[in-house]
Amino acid sequence: MDNKKYLQPSIVAQLASIELKARLVVEGFISGLHRSPFRGFSVEFAEHRAYRPGDDIRFMDWKILGRTDRYYVKQFEEETNLRSMIVVDASASMGYASKGNITKFEYASYLAGALSYLMMKQQDAVGLALYDTEVTSFLPPRSKPSYIQEILRTLGSAVPAHTTGTGKALDRLAERISRRGLVIILSDFFDDIDSIITALKHFRHKNHEVVVMQILDPRERDFKFGLDANFKDLESGEEILTQPYQIQKTYTKAMNDFIATIKRECFQRGIDYVLMDTSEPFDKALRGYLAKRTRM
């Protein structure tokens, strides 16, 4: 029997609880991996102490010596476990789903739950943040196994609503997350591109490793609708009746340019970028990317 068919989004969505959905997804996409795709930083600076004979001079802090004429060495502590924050866009635009597909928010939630399970299996600390115009939920990173239930409850009870403020919300999160770690952002990124770039730069300035997962519905990319269609803005409520074929070429060019801009800006800042389609099986969406990380 081909188990991959059970990683189709429409099948996963039929499971009773988000816990079962997350477990199925995570077991599916890590089955072919031989080692962890997410690893902690090897050492973390702890403090200075006075130099003692026999100390390794490689750890001498020459800047302090230059300022004070005193000898100090840097001390480090092992930082083998990873601290990660999974950030999910819960604005109204994430509630969109074309016929036969699940919503972008559902897709993001299942991935967020699965990634949380993956972190916990590694005994790493994982946290969760949801946002629309503001950060609406914030669970700081914890490694306690039972913490996964709180993360899943938060994901399972959330309903996408309100306008988006991705740039503003991410910028505030960057200020709030003090310790260096991994930040995974799941969003459609339908917001002012300049504000998004500013927020991503903020995360990198604070030495976080950042992964951007842009989640889109297939119709948002190809604009293949019927002869006449009534479009409603999920955030403003504004409606417009049009013939999609008349604007399809212009729309798809604008969308492709938008995607290319985000991808380019991420690449220039050392940020991993992954484009995800809500019609794609979860293993296809993630396995290639995670397999690449295991080789890093």
Protein backbone atom coordinates (compact mmCIF):
# COMPACT_ATOMS: atom_id res chain seq x y z
CA MET A 1 0.00 0.00 0.00
CA ASP A 2 1.29 3.48 -0.86
CA ASN A 3 1.30 5.38 2.42
CA LYS A 4 2.15 8.63 0.65
CA LYS A 5 -1.45 9.11 -0.34
CA TYR A 6 -2.22 9.63 3.33
CA LEU A 7 -0.07 12.76 3.25
CA GLN A 8 -2.46 14.46 0.85
CA PRO A 9 -3.78 17.62 2.60
CA SER A 10 -7.40 16.64 1.95
CA ILE A 11 -6.85 13.28 3.70
CA VAL A 12 -4.95 14.72 6.66
CA ALA A 13 -7.72 17.28 7.17
CA GLN A 14 -10.25 14.49 7.78
CA LEU A 15 -8.50 13.29 10.94
CA ALA A 16 -10.29 14.06 14.16
CA SER A 17 -7.68 16.13 15.96
CA ILE A 18 -4.77 18.38 15.12
CA GLU A 19 -2.57 16.06 17.21
CA LEU A 20 -3.24 13.14 14.86
CA LYS A 21 -2.74 15.39 11.85
CA ALA A 22 0.60 16.64 13.12
CA ARG A 23 1.81 13.14 14.03
CA LEU A 24 0.93 11.78 10.60
CA VAL A 25 2.66 14.62 8.79
CA VAL A 26 5.86 14.48 10.84
CA GLU A 27 6.23 10.71 10.59
CA GLY A 28 5.64 10.95 6.86
CA PHE A 29 8.21 13.54 5.96
CA ILE A 30 11.04 12.41 8.25
CA SER A 31 10.85 8.74 7.29
CA GLY A 32 13.60 9.15 4.68
CA LEU A 33 15.94 11.33 6.75
CA HIS A 34 19.01 9.78 8.35
CA ARG A 35 19.88 12.58 10.75
CA SER A 36 18.28 15.65 12.20
CA PRO A 37 17.65 18.53 9.78
CA PHE A 38 17.68 21.04 12.64
CA ARG A 39 20.70 21.22 14.91
CA GLY A 40 21.67 23.51 17.76
CA PHE A 41 24.63 25.84 17.87
CA SER A 42 27.81 24.12 19.04
CA VAL A 43 28.93 26.68 21.62
CA GLU A 44 27.45 29.75 23.27
CA PHE A 45 29.40 32.56 24.94
CA ALA A 46 28.81 32.55 28.70
CA GLU A 47 31.06 35.06 30.49
CA HIS A 48 34.55 36.48 30.98
CA ARG A 49 36.95 35.48 33.75
CA ALA A 50 40.47 36.51 34.69
CA TYR A 51 43.26 34.74 32.81
CA ARG A 52 45.07 31.94 34.67
CA PRO A 53 48.39 30.35 33.67
CA GLY A 54 47.69 27.43 31.36
CA ASP A 55 44.54 28.93 29.81
CA ASP A 56 44.28 28.63 26.03
CA ILE A 57 45.32 32.01 24.61
CA ARG A 58 42.95 31.47 21.66
CA PHE A 59 40.17 32.51 24.03
CA MET A 60 41.93 35.65 25.22
CA ASP A 61 39.77 38.77 24.80
CA TRP A 62 42.22 41.17 23.21
CA LYS A 63 39.73 44.03 23.14
CA ILE A 64 39.45 44.02 26.93
CA LEU A 65 43.24 43.82 27.20
CA GLY A 66 43.56 46.88 24.98
CA ARG A 67 41.10 48.88 27.08
CA THR A 68 42.14 47.81 30.58
CA ASP A 69 45.61 46.23 30.39
CA ARG A 70 44.09 43.22 32.14
CA TYR A 71 43.98 39.67 30.83
CA TYR A 72 40.58 38.02 30.46
CA VAL A 73 39.49 34.90 28.63
CA LYS A 74 36.10 34.10 27.17
CA GLN A 75 34.22 31.16 28.65
CA PHE A 76 31.77 29.14 26.60
CA GLU A 77 29.11 26.62 27.42
CA GLU A 78 27.83 23.81 25.27
CA GLU A 79 24.61 24.70 23.53
CA THR A 80 23.72 21.37 21.94
CA ASN A 81 19.96 21.83 21.92
CA LEU A 82 18.16 24.11 19.52
CA ARG A 83 15.73 26.86 20.52
CA SER A 84 13.14 27.39 17.84
CA MET A 85 10.12 29.64 17.40
CA ILE A 86 7.44 28.70 14.88
CA VAL A 87 5.51 31.76 13.70
CA VAL A 88 2.14 31.35 11.95
CA ASP A 89 0.15 34.04 10.14
CA ALA A 90 -3.45 33.91 11.43
CA SER A 91 -4.82 36.88 9.46
CA ALA A 92 -8.01 36.58 7.42
CA SER A 93 -6.25 36.04 4.07
CA MET A 94 -4.90 32.75 5.43
CA GLY A 95 -8.48 31.48 5.58
CA TYR A 96 -8.70 31.21 1.80
CA ALA A 97 -9.14 27.84 0.08
CA SER A 98 -10.06 27.13 -3.53
CA LYS A 99 -12.32 24.19 -4.35
CA GLY A 100 -10.87 20.86 -3.28
CA ASN A 101 -8.11 22.33 -1.14
CA ILE A 102 -7.70 23.12 2.55
CA THR A 103 -7.15 26.68 3.76
CA LYS A 104 -3.69 28.16 3.90
CA PHE A 105 -4.05 28.45 7.67
CA GLU A 106 -4.93 24.76 8.02
CA TYR A 107 -1.92 23.82 5.89
CA ALA A 108 0.34 26.08 7.97
CA SER A 109 -1.10 24.72 11.23
CA TYR A 110 -0.47 21.09 10.31
CA LEU A 111 3.09 21.93 9.30
CA ALA A 112 3.62 23.94 12.49
CA GLY A 113 2.34 21.05 14.59
CA ALA A 114 4.51 18.57 12.71
CA LEU A 115 7.63 20.73 13.05
CA SER A 116 6.91 21.09 16.77
CA TYR A 117 6.78 17.30 17.08
CA LEU A 118 10.06 17.04 15.19
CA MET A 119 11.75 19.49 17.58
CA MET A 120 10.39 17.65 20.61
CA LYS A 121 11.64 14.31 19.27
CA GLN A 122 15.10 15.89 19.27
CA GLN A 123 14.56 17.11 22.85
CA ASP A 124 14.85 20.68 21.62
CA ALA A 125 12.96 23.71 22.88
CA VAL A 126 10.14 24.92 20.64
CA GLY A 127 7.72 27.82 20.92
CA LEU A 128 4.80 29.19 18.92
CA ALA A 129 3.58 32.64 17.93
CA LEU A 130 0.40 33.54 16.04
CA TYR A 131 -0.31 36.98 14.62
CA ASP A 132 -2.59 39.12 12.46
CA THR A 133 -1.93 42.85 12.87
CA GLU A 134 -0.43 42.07 16.28
CA VAL A 135 1.01 39.02 18.01
CA THR A 136 -2.12 37.29 19.31
CA SER A 137 -0.54 34.21 20.93
CA PHE A 138 2.98 33.72 22.26
CA LEU A 139 4.28 30.50 23.78
CA PRO A 140 8.00 30.83 24.61
CA PRO A 141 10.30 27.93 23.67
CA ARG A 142 10.17 24.98 26.07
CA SER A 143 11.53 21.44 25.78
CA LYS A 144 9.16 19.72 28.23
CA PRO A 145 7.41 16.90 26.28
CA SER A 146 3.94 17.83 27.56
CA TYR A 147 4.38 21.34 26.14
CA ILE A 148 3.46 20.04 22.69
CA GLN A 149 -0.14 19.75 23.85
CA GLU A 150 -0.32 23.47 24.62
CA ILE A 151 1.14 24.27 21.21
CA LEU A 152 -1.39 22.03 19.46
CA ARG A 153 -4.30 23.42 21.49
CA THR A 154 -3.31 26.94 20.50
CA LEU A 155 -3.11 25.98 16.83
CA GLY A 156 -6.35 24.00 16.94
CA SER A 157 -8.40 26.77 18.54
CA ALA A 158 -7.17 29.62 16.31
CA VAL A 159 -9.41 31.04 13.59
CA PRO A 160 -7.88 33.27 10.89
CA ALA A 161 -9.38 36.75 11.16
CA HIS A 162 -8.64 40.48 10.90
CA THR A 163 -6.34 42.32 8.55
CA THR A 164 -2.71 41.39 8.17
CA GLY A 165 0.26 43.24 9.58
CA THR A 166 3.03 40.77 8.85
CA GLY A 167 5.87 43.29 8.79
CA LYS A 168 4.82 45.03 11.99
CA ALA A 169 4.08 41.80 13.88
CA LEU A 170 7.35 40.13 12.84
CA ASP A 171 9.34 43.22 13.78
CA ARG A 172 7.87 43.12 17.28
CA LEU A 173 8.57 39.41 17.55
CA ALA A 174 12.19 39.98 16.59
CA GLU A 175 12.44 42.42 19.48
CA ARG A 176 10.76 39.98 21.84
CA ILE A 177 12.82 36.86 21.08
CA SER A 178 16.05 37.58 22.90
CA ARG A 179 18.10 34.37 22.68
CA ARG A 180 19.58 33.30 19.38
CA GLY A 181 17.77 30.42 17.70
CA LEU A 182 15.78 29.21 14.71
CA VAL A 183 12.72 31.16 13.56
CA ILE A 184 10.35 29.48 11.07
CA ILE A 185 7.71 31.78 9.55
CA LEU A 186 4.63 30.35 7.79
CA SER A 187 2.60 32.97 5.93
CA ASP A 188 1.28 34.04 2.54
CA PHE A 189 3.20 37.31 3.11
CA PHE A 190 0.36 39.39 1.67
CA ASP A 191 1.57 42.65 3.12
CA ASP A 192 3.78 45.60 2.24
CA ILE A 193 7.01 44.04 1.00
CA ASP A 194 9.27 46.75 2.46
CA SER A 195 7.92 46.22 5.98
CA ILE A 196 8.42 42.46 5.63
CA ILE A 197 12.03 42.92 4.51
CA THR A 198 12.70 45.26 7.44
CA ALA A 199 11.38 42.64 9.87
CA LEU A 200 13.44 39.84 8.31
CA LYS A 201 16.55 42.03 8.56
CA HIS A 202 15.73 42.56 12.24
CA PHE A 203 15.75 38.80 12.89
CA ARG A 204 19.07 38.39 11.09
CA HIS A 205 20.58 41.37 12.91
CA LYS A 206 19.88 39.50 16.15
CA ASN A 207 21.69 36.45 14.73
CA HIS A 208 18.64 34.22 14.37
CA GLU A 209 18.57 31.55 11.70
CA VAL A 210 15.42 32.23 9.68
CA VAL A 211 13.30 29.99 7.46
CA VAL A 212 10.53 31.56 5.38
CA MET A 213 7.76 29.22 4.23
CA GLN A 214 5.44 31.07 1.86
CA ILE A 215 2.12 29.22 1.66
CA LEU A 216 -0.18 29.87 -1.29
CA ASP A 217 -3.29 28.30 -2.77
CA PRO A 218 -2.81 27.07 -6.37
CA ARG A 219 -5.51 29.45 -7.65
CA GLU A 220 -3.64 32.38 -6.13
CA ARG A 221 -0.76 31.50 -8.39
CA ASP A 222 -2.43 30.53 -11.69
CA PHE A 223 -5.70 32.53 -11.39
CA LYS A 224 -7.64 29.80 -13.21
CA PHE A 225 -11.25 30.63 -12.44
CA GLY A 226 -14.49 30.49 -14.46
CA LEU A 227 -15.71 32.94 -17.10
CA ASP A 228 -17.25 35.24 -14.51
CA ALA A 229 -16.21 35.36 -10.88
CA ASN A 230 -17.04 37.43 -7.84
CA PHE A 231 -13.94 38.08 -5.73
CA LYS A 232 -14.16 39.07 -2.09
CA ASP A 233 -11.28 40.47 -0.06
CA LEU A 234 -11.21 38.31 3.09
CA GLU A 235 -9.76 41.15 5.13
CA SER A 236 -11.59 44.27 3.90
CA GLY A 237 -14.81 42.57 2.73
CA GLU A 238 -14.65 44.47 -0.57
CA GLU A 239 -16.15 42.59 -3.55
CA ILE A 240 -15.55 42.84 -7.27
CA LEU A 241 -17.16 41.04 -10.23
CA THR A 242 -14.82 40.41 -13.15
CA GLN A 243 -13.90 38.04 -15.95
CA PRO A 244 -10.67 36.36 -14.77
CA TYR A 245 -9.33 35.55 -18.25
CA GLN A 246 -9.13 39.29 -19.01
CA ILE A 247 -6.71 39.97 -16.18
CA GLN A 248 -5.07 36.56 -15.73
CA LYS A 249 -1.85 37.47 -17.56
CA THR A 250 -1.39 40.72 -15.66
CA TYR A 251 -2.26 39.09 -12.34
CA THR A 252 0.07 36.11 -12.71
CA LYS A 253 2.96 38.37 -13.70
CA ALA A 254 2.39 40.53 -10.62
CA MET A 255 2.16 37.44 -8.40
CA ASN A 256 5.30 35.88 -9.87
CA ASP A 257 7.17 39.16 -9.40
CA PHE A 258 5.98 39.30 -5.78
CA ILE A 259 7.18 35.74 -5.09
CA ALA A 260 10.50 36.40 -6.84
CA THR A 261 11.09 39.53 -4.76
CA ILE A 262 10.58 37.72 -1.46
CA LYS A 263 12.78 34.83 -2.60
CA ARG A 264 15.54 37.19 -3.74
CA GLU A 265 15.46 39.25 -0.54
CA CYS A 266 15.68 36.08 1.54
CA PHE A 267 18.63 34.76 -0.48
CA GLN A 268 20.52 38.03 -0.11
CA ARG A 269 20.18 37.85 3.68
CA GLY A 270 21.06 34.19 4.16
CA ILE A 271 17.44 33.21 4.84
CA ASP A 272 16.08 29.86 3.66
CA TYR A 273 13.01 30.28 1.43
CA VAL A 274 10.46 27.57 0.60
CA LEU A 275 7.36 28.09 -1.57
CA MET A 276 4.51 25.76 -0.62
CA ASP A 277 1.31 24.98 -2.50
CA THR A 278 -1.70 23.86 -0.43
CA SER A 279 -2.53 21.17 -3.00
CA GLU A 280 0.86 19.47 -2.56
CA PRO A 281 1.31 16.45 -0.26
CA PHE A 282 3.15 17.38 2.91
CA ASP A 283 6.05 15.02 2.21
CA LYS A 284 6.66 16.71 -1.16
CA ALA A 285 6.43 20.12 0.46
CA LEU A 286 9.03 19.40 3.11
CA ARG A 287 11.17 16.35 2.40
CA GLY A 288 13.38 17.94 -0.23
CA TYR A 289 14.03 20.95 1.95
CA LEU A 290 14.69 18.97 5.12
CA ALA A 291 16.92 16.51 3.28
CA LYS A 292 18.98 19.47 2.06
CA ARG A 293 19.39 20.66 5.65
CA THR A 294 20.75 17.29 6.78
CA ARG A 295 23.62 17.77 4.33
CA MET A 296 24.49 21.25 5.60
